[in-house]
Amino acid sequence: MGKTIIFYRTADGKCPVQEFLDSVSGKVAQKITWVLSLIEELDIVPASYFKKLVSAEHIWECRVQSGSNAYRIFCFFDESSVVVLTHGMIKKTQKTPQREIARAEAYRKDYLQRRVRK
């Protein structure tokens, strides 16, 4: 039983994860796409590619390494089989910046509030 990946959109229609994907090189975007396909297809995804953040209750990160750069795409689960991608970043330090986690949590909250209304 695979997972479905969807992109979070803000109330005004912006798609932060798409903007991030558009900002990286073609080679990196290809690698990110490959990692996302693993997440969709595999029941158990290796932690090197997909991991729950210890410092956040509901936020996970898709992890992509390309050359010396580490890329992270934040996401959360909507029910058990839908993974909602919020936004991405190039990771420059060991610790994931708290503001990026807070941003993902705010997107999750917004998504859930608007989802219920429909």
C-alpha atoms as a PDB file:
ATOM      1  CA  MET A   1       0.000   0.000   0.000  1.00  0.00           C
ATOM      2  CA  GLY A   2       1.801   3.090  -1.230  1.00  0.00           C
ATOM      3  CA  LYS A   3       1.490   6.698  -0.260  1.00  0.00           C
ATOM      4  CA  THR A   4       0.234   9.644  -2.264  1.00  0.00           C
ATOM      5  CA  ILE A   5       2.236  12.856  -2.291  1.00  0.00           C
ATOM      6  CA  ILE A   6       0.486  16.184  -2.697  1.00  0.00           C
ATOM      7  CA  PHE A   7       1.808  19.745  -2.634  1.00  0.00           C
ATOM      8  CA  TYR A   8       0.515  22.154  -0.003  1.00  0.00           C
ATOM      9  CA  ARG A   9      -0.912  25.401  -1.389  1.00  0.00           C
ATOM     10  CA  THR A  10      -1.457  28.565   0.620  1.00  0.00           C
ATOM     11  CA  ALA A  11      -4.910  30.187   0.743  1.00  0.00           C
ATOM     12  CA  ASP A  12      -3.827  32.574  -2.030  1.00  0.00           C
ATOM     13  CA  GLY A  13      -2.673  29.717  -4.274  1.00  0.00           C
ATOM     14  CA  LYS A  14       1.088  29.845  -3.740  1.00  0.00           C
ATOM     15  CA  CYS A  15       2.912  26.520  -3.707  1.00  0.00           C
ATOM     16  CA  PRO A  16       6.106  26.898  -1.633  1.00  0.00           C
ATOM     17  CA  VAL A  17       7.441  23.417  -2.426  1.00  0.00           C
ATOM     18  CA  GLN A  18       7.016  23.989  -6.176  1.00  0.00           C
ATOM     19  CA  GLU A  19       8.856  27.309  -5.845  1.00  0.00           C
ATOM     20  CA  PHE A  20      11.678  25.471  -4.081  1.00  0.00           C
ATOM     21  CA  LEU A  21      11.833  22.763  -6.763  1.00  0.00           C
ATOM     22  CA  ASP A  22      11.937  25.448  -9.441  1.00  0.00           C
ATOM     23  CA  SER A  23      14.879  27.103  -7.675  1.00  0.00           C
ATOM     24  CA  VAL A  24      17.211  24.067  -7.634  1.00  0.00           C
ATOM     25  CA  SER A  25      19.222  22.692 -10.550  1.00  0.00           C
ATOM     26  CA  GLY A  26      17.736  20.087 -12.859  1.00  0.00           C
ATOM     27  CA  LYS A  27      20.031  17.408 -11.443  1.00  0.00           C
ATOM     28  CA  VAL A  28      18.936  18.157  -7.863  1.00  0.00           C
ATOM     29  CA  ALA A  29      15.263  18.313  -8.867  1.00  0.00           C
ATOM     30  CA  GLN A  30      15.685  14.886 -10.489  1.00  0.00           C
ATOM     31  CA  LYS A  31      17.167  13.444  -7.321  1.00  0.00           C
ATOM     32  CA  ILE A  32      14.381  14.981  -5.200  1.00  0.00           C
ATOM     33  CA  THR A  33      11.803  13.455  -7.558  1.00  0.00           C
ATOM     34  CA  TRP A  34      13.497  10.061  -7.174  1.00  0.00           C
ATOM     35  CA  VAL A  35      13.382  10.299  -3.364  1.00  0.00           C
ATOM     36  CA  LEU A  36       9.700  11.321  -3.501  1.00  0.00           C
ATOM     37  CA  SER A  37       8.955   8.280  -5.665  1.00  0.00           C
ATOM     38  CA  LEU A  38      10.611   6.058  -3.020  1.00  0.00           C
ATOM     39  CA  ILE A  39       8.346   7.599  -0.381  1.00  0.00           C
ATOM     40  CA  GLU A  40       5.304   6.905  -2.558  1.00  0.00           C
ATOM     41  CA  GLU A  41       6.252   3.338  -3.417  1.00  0.00           C
ATOM     42  CA  LEU A  42       7.965   1.861  -0.369  1.00  0.00           C
ATOM     43  CA  ASP A  43       6.146   0.811   2.790  1.00  0.00           C
ATOM     44  CA  ILE A  44       9.284   1.422   4.829  1.00  0.00           C
ATOM     45  CA  VAL A  45      11.467   4.241   3.546  1.00  0.00           C
ATOM     46  CA  PRO A  46      15.091   4.338   4.757  1.00  0.00           C
ATOM     47  CA  ALA A  47      15.647   7.093   7.334  1.00  0.00           C
ATOM     48  CA  SER A  48      18.404   8.498   5.136  1.00  0.00           C
ATOM     49  CA  TYR A  49      15.585   9.690   2.814  1.00  0.00           C
ATOM     50  CA  PHE A  50      12.548  10.174   5.020  1.00  0.00           C
ATOM     51  CA  LYS A  51      12.578  10.889   8.720  1.00  0.00           C
ATOM     52  CA  LYS A  52      10.324  12.287  11.413  1.00  0.00           C
ATOM     53  CA  LEU A  53      11.789  15.379  13.047  1.00  0.00           C
ATOM     54  CA  VAL A  54      12.447  14.757  16.717  1.00  0.00           C
ATOM     55  CA  SER A  55      11.762  18.387  17.611  1.00  0.00           C
ATOM     56  CA  ALA A  56       8.333  18.506  15.952  1.00  0.00           C
ATOM     57  CA  GLU A  57       5.241  16.510  16.717  1.00  0.00           C
ATOM     58  CA  HIS A  58       3.876  16.041  13.200  1.00  0.00           C
ATOM     59  CA  ILE A  59       6.594  17.189  10.818  1.00  0.00           C
ATOM     60  CA  TRP A  60       8.705  14.860   8.686  1.00  0.00           C
ATOM     61  CA  GLU A  61      11.484  15.674   6.277  1.00  0.00           C
ATOM     62  CA  CYS A  62      12.411  14.259   2.892  1.00  0.00           C
ATOM     63  CA  ARG A  63      16.179  14.183   2.847  1.00  0.00           C
ATOM     64  CA  VAL A  64      18.190  14.568  -0.339  1.00  0.00           C
ATOM     65  CA  GLN A  65      21.966  14.731  -0.595  1.00  0.00           C
ATOM     66  CA  SER A  66      23.537  16.029  -3.793  1.00  0.00           C
ATOM     67  CA  GLY A  67      27.247  16.686  -3.872  1.00  0.00           C
ATOM     68  CA  SER A  68      28.120  18.562  -0.696  1.00  0.00           C
ATOM     69  CA  ASN A  69      24.618  20.009  -0.331  1.00  0.00           C
ATOM     70  CA  ALA A  70      21.808  18.651   1.808  1.00  0.00           C
ATOM     71  CA  TYR A  71      18.275  19.468   0.718  1.00  0.00           C
ATOM     72  CA  ARG A  72      15.241  19.107   2.947  1.00  0.00           C
ATOM     73  CA  ILE A  73      11.579  19.110   2.036  1.00  0.00           C
ATOM     74  CA  PHE A  74       9.219  19.360   4.977  1.00  0.00           C
ATOM     75  CA  CYS A  75       5.984  17.431   5.044  1.00  0.00           C
ATOM     76  CA  PHE A  76       3.277  15.905   7.198  1.00  0.00           C
ATOM     77  CA  PHE A  77       0.755  13.116   6.925  1.00  0.00           C
ATOM     78  CA  ASP A  78      -2.891  13.753   6.121  1.00  0.00           C
ATOM     79  CA  GLU A  79      -4.417  10.503   7.292  1.00  0.00           C
ATOM     80  CA  SER A  80      -2.063   7.573   6.915  1.00  0.00           C
ATOM     81  CA  SER A  81      -1.352   7.419   3.216  1.00  0.00           C
ATOM     82  CA  VAL A  82      -1.245  11.055   2.072  1.00  0.00           C
ATOM     83  CA  VAL A  83       2.000  12.982   2.475  1.00  0.00           C
ATOM     84  CA  VAL A  84       1.640  16.758   2.124  1.00  0.00           C
ATOM     85  CA  LEU A  85       4.848  18.558   1.112  1.00  0.00           C
ATOM     86  CA  THR A  86       5.068  22.063   2.547  1.00  0.00           C
ATOM     87  CA  HIS A  87       8.363  23.683   1.523  1.00  0.00           C
ATOM     88  CA  GLY A  88      12.032  23.017   1.007  1.00  0.00           C
ATOM     89  CA  MET A  89      15.397  24.416   1.985  1.00  0.00           C
ATOM     90  CA  ILE A  90      19.097  23.861   1.477  1.00  0.00           C
ATOM     91  CA  LYS A  91      20.457  22.716   4.811  1.00  0.00           C
ATOM     92  CA  LYS A  92      23.593  24.586   5.811  1.00  0.00           C
ATOM     93  CA  THR A  93      24.018  23.495   9.433  1.00  0.00           C
ATOM     94  CA  GLN A  94      23.728  20.284  11.430  1.00  0.00           C
ATOM     95  CA  LYS A  95      20.526  21.347  13.129  1.00  0.00           C
ATOM     96  CA  THR A  96      17.384  22.028  11.167  1.00  0.00           C
ATOM     97  CA  PRO A  97      16.503  25.705  11.769  1.00  0.00           C
ATOM     98  CA  GLN A  98      13.592  26.067  14.177  1.00  0.00           C
ATOM     99  CA  ARG A  99      11.989  28.729  11.981  1.00  0.00           C
ATOM    100  CA  GLU A 100      11.734  26.212   9.096  1.00  0.00           C
ATOM    101  CA  ILE A 101      10.034  23.697  11.385  1.00  0.00           C
ATOM    102  CA  ALA A 102       7.689  26.427  12.639  1.00  0.00           C
ATOM    103  CA  ARG A 103       6.888  27.329   9.032  1.00  0.00           C
ATOM    104  CA  ALA A 104       6.019  23.694   8.234  1.00  0.00           C
ATOM    105  CA  GLU A 105       3.830  23.521  11.352  1.00  0.00           C
ATOM    106  CA  ALA A 106       2.029  26.726  10.371  1.00  0.00           C
ATOM    107  CA  TYR A 107       1.407  25.350   6.861  1.00  0.00           C
ATOM    108  CA  ARG A 108       0.087  22.104   8.377  1.00  0.00           C
ATOM    109  CA  LYS A 109      -2.288  24.006  10.650  1.00  0.00           C
ATOM    110  CA  ASP A 110      -3.517  26.129   7.742  1.00  0.00           C
ATOM    111  CA  TYR A 111      -3.973  23.059   5.528  1.00  0.00           C
ATOM    112  CA  LEU A 112      -5.975  21.180   8.159  1.00  0.00           C
ATOM    113  CA  GLN A 113      -8.186  24.186   8.965  1.00  0.00           C
ATOM    114  CA  ARG A 114      -9.006  24.796   5.318  1.00  0.00           C
ATOM    115  CA  ARG A 115      -9.431  21.097   4.539  1.00  0.00           C
ATOM    116  CA  VAL A 116     -12.113  20.711   7.185  1.00  0.00           C
ATOM    117  CA  ARG A 117     -14.164  23.583   5.760  1.00  0.00           C
ATOM    118  CA  LYS A 118     -14.542  22.116   2.276  1.00  0.00           C
END
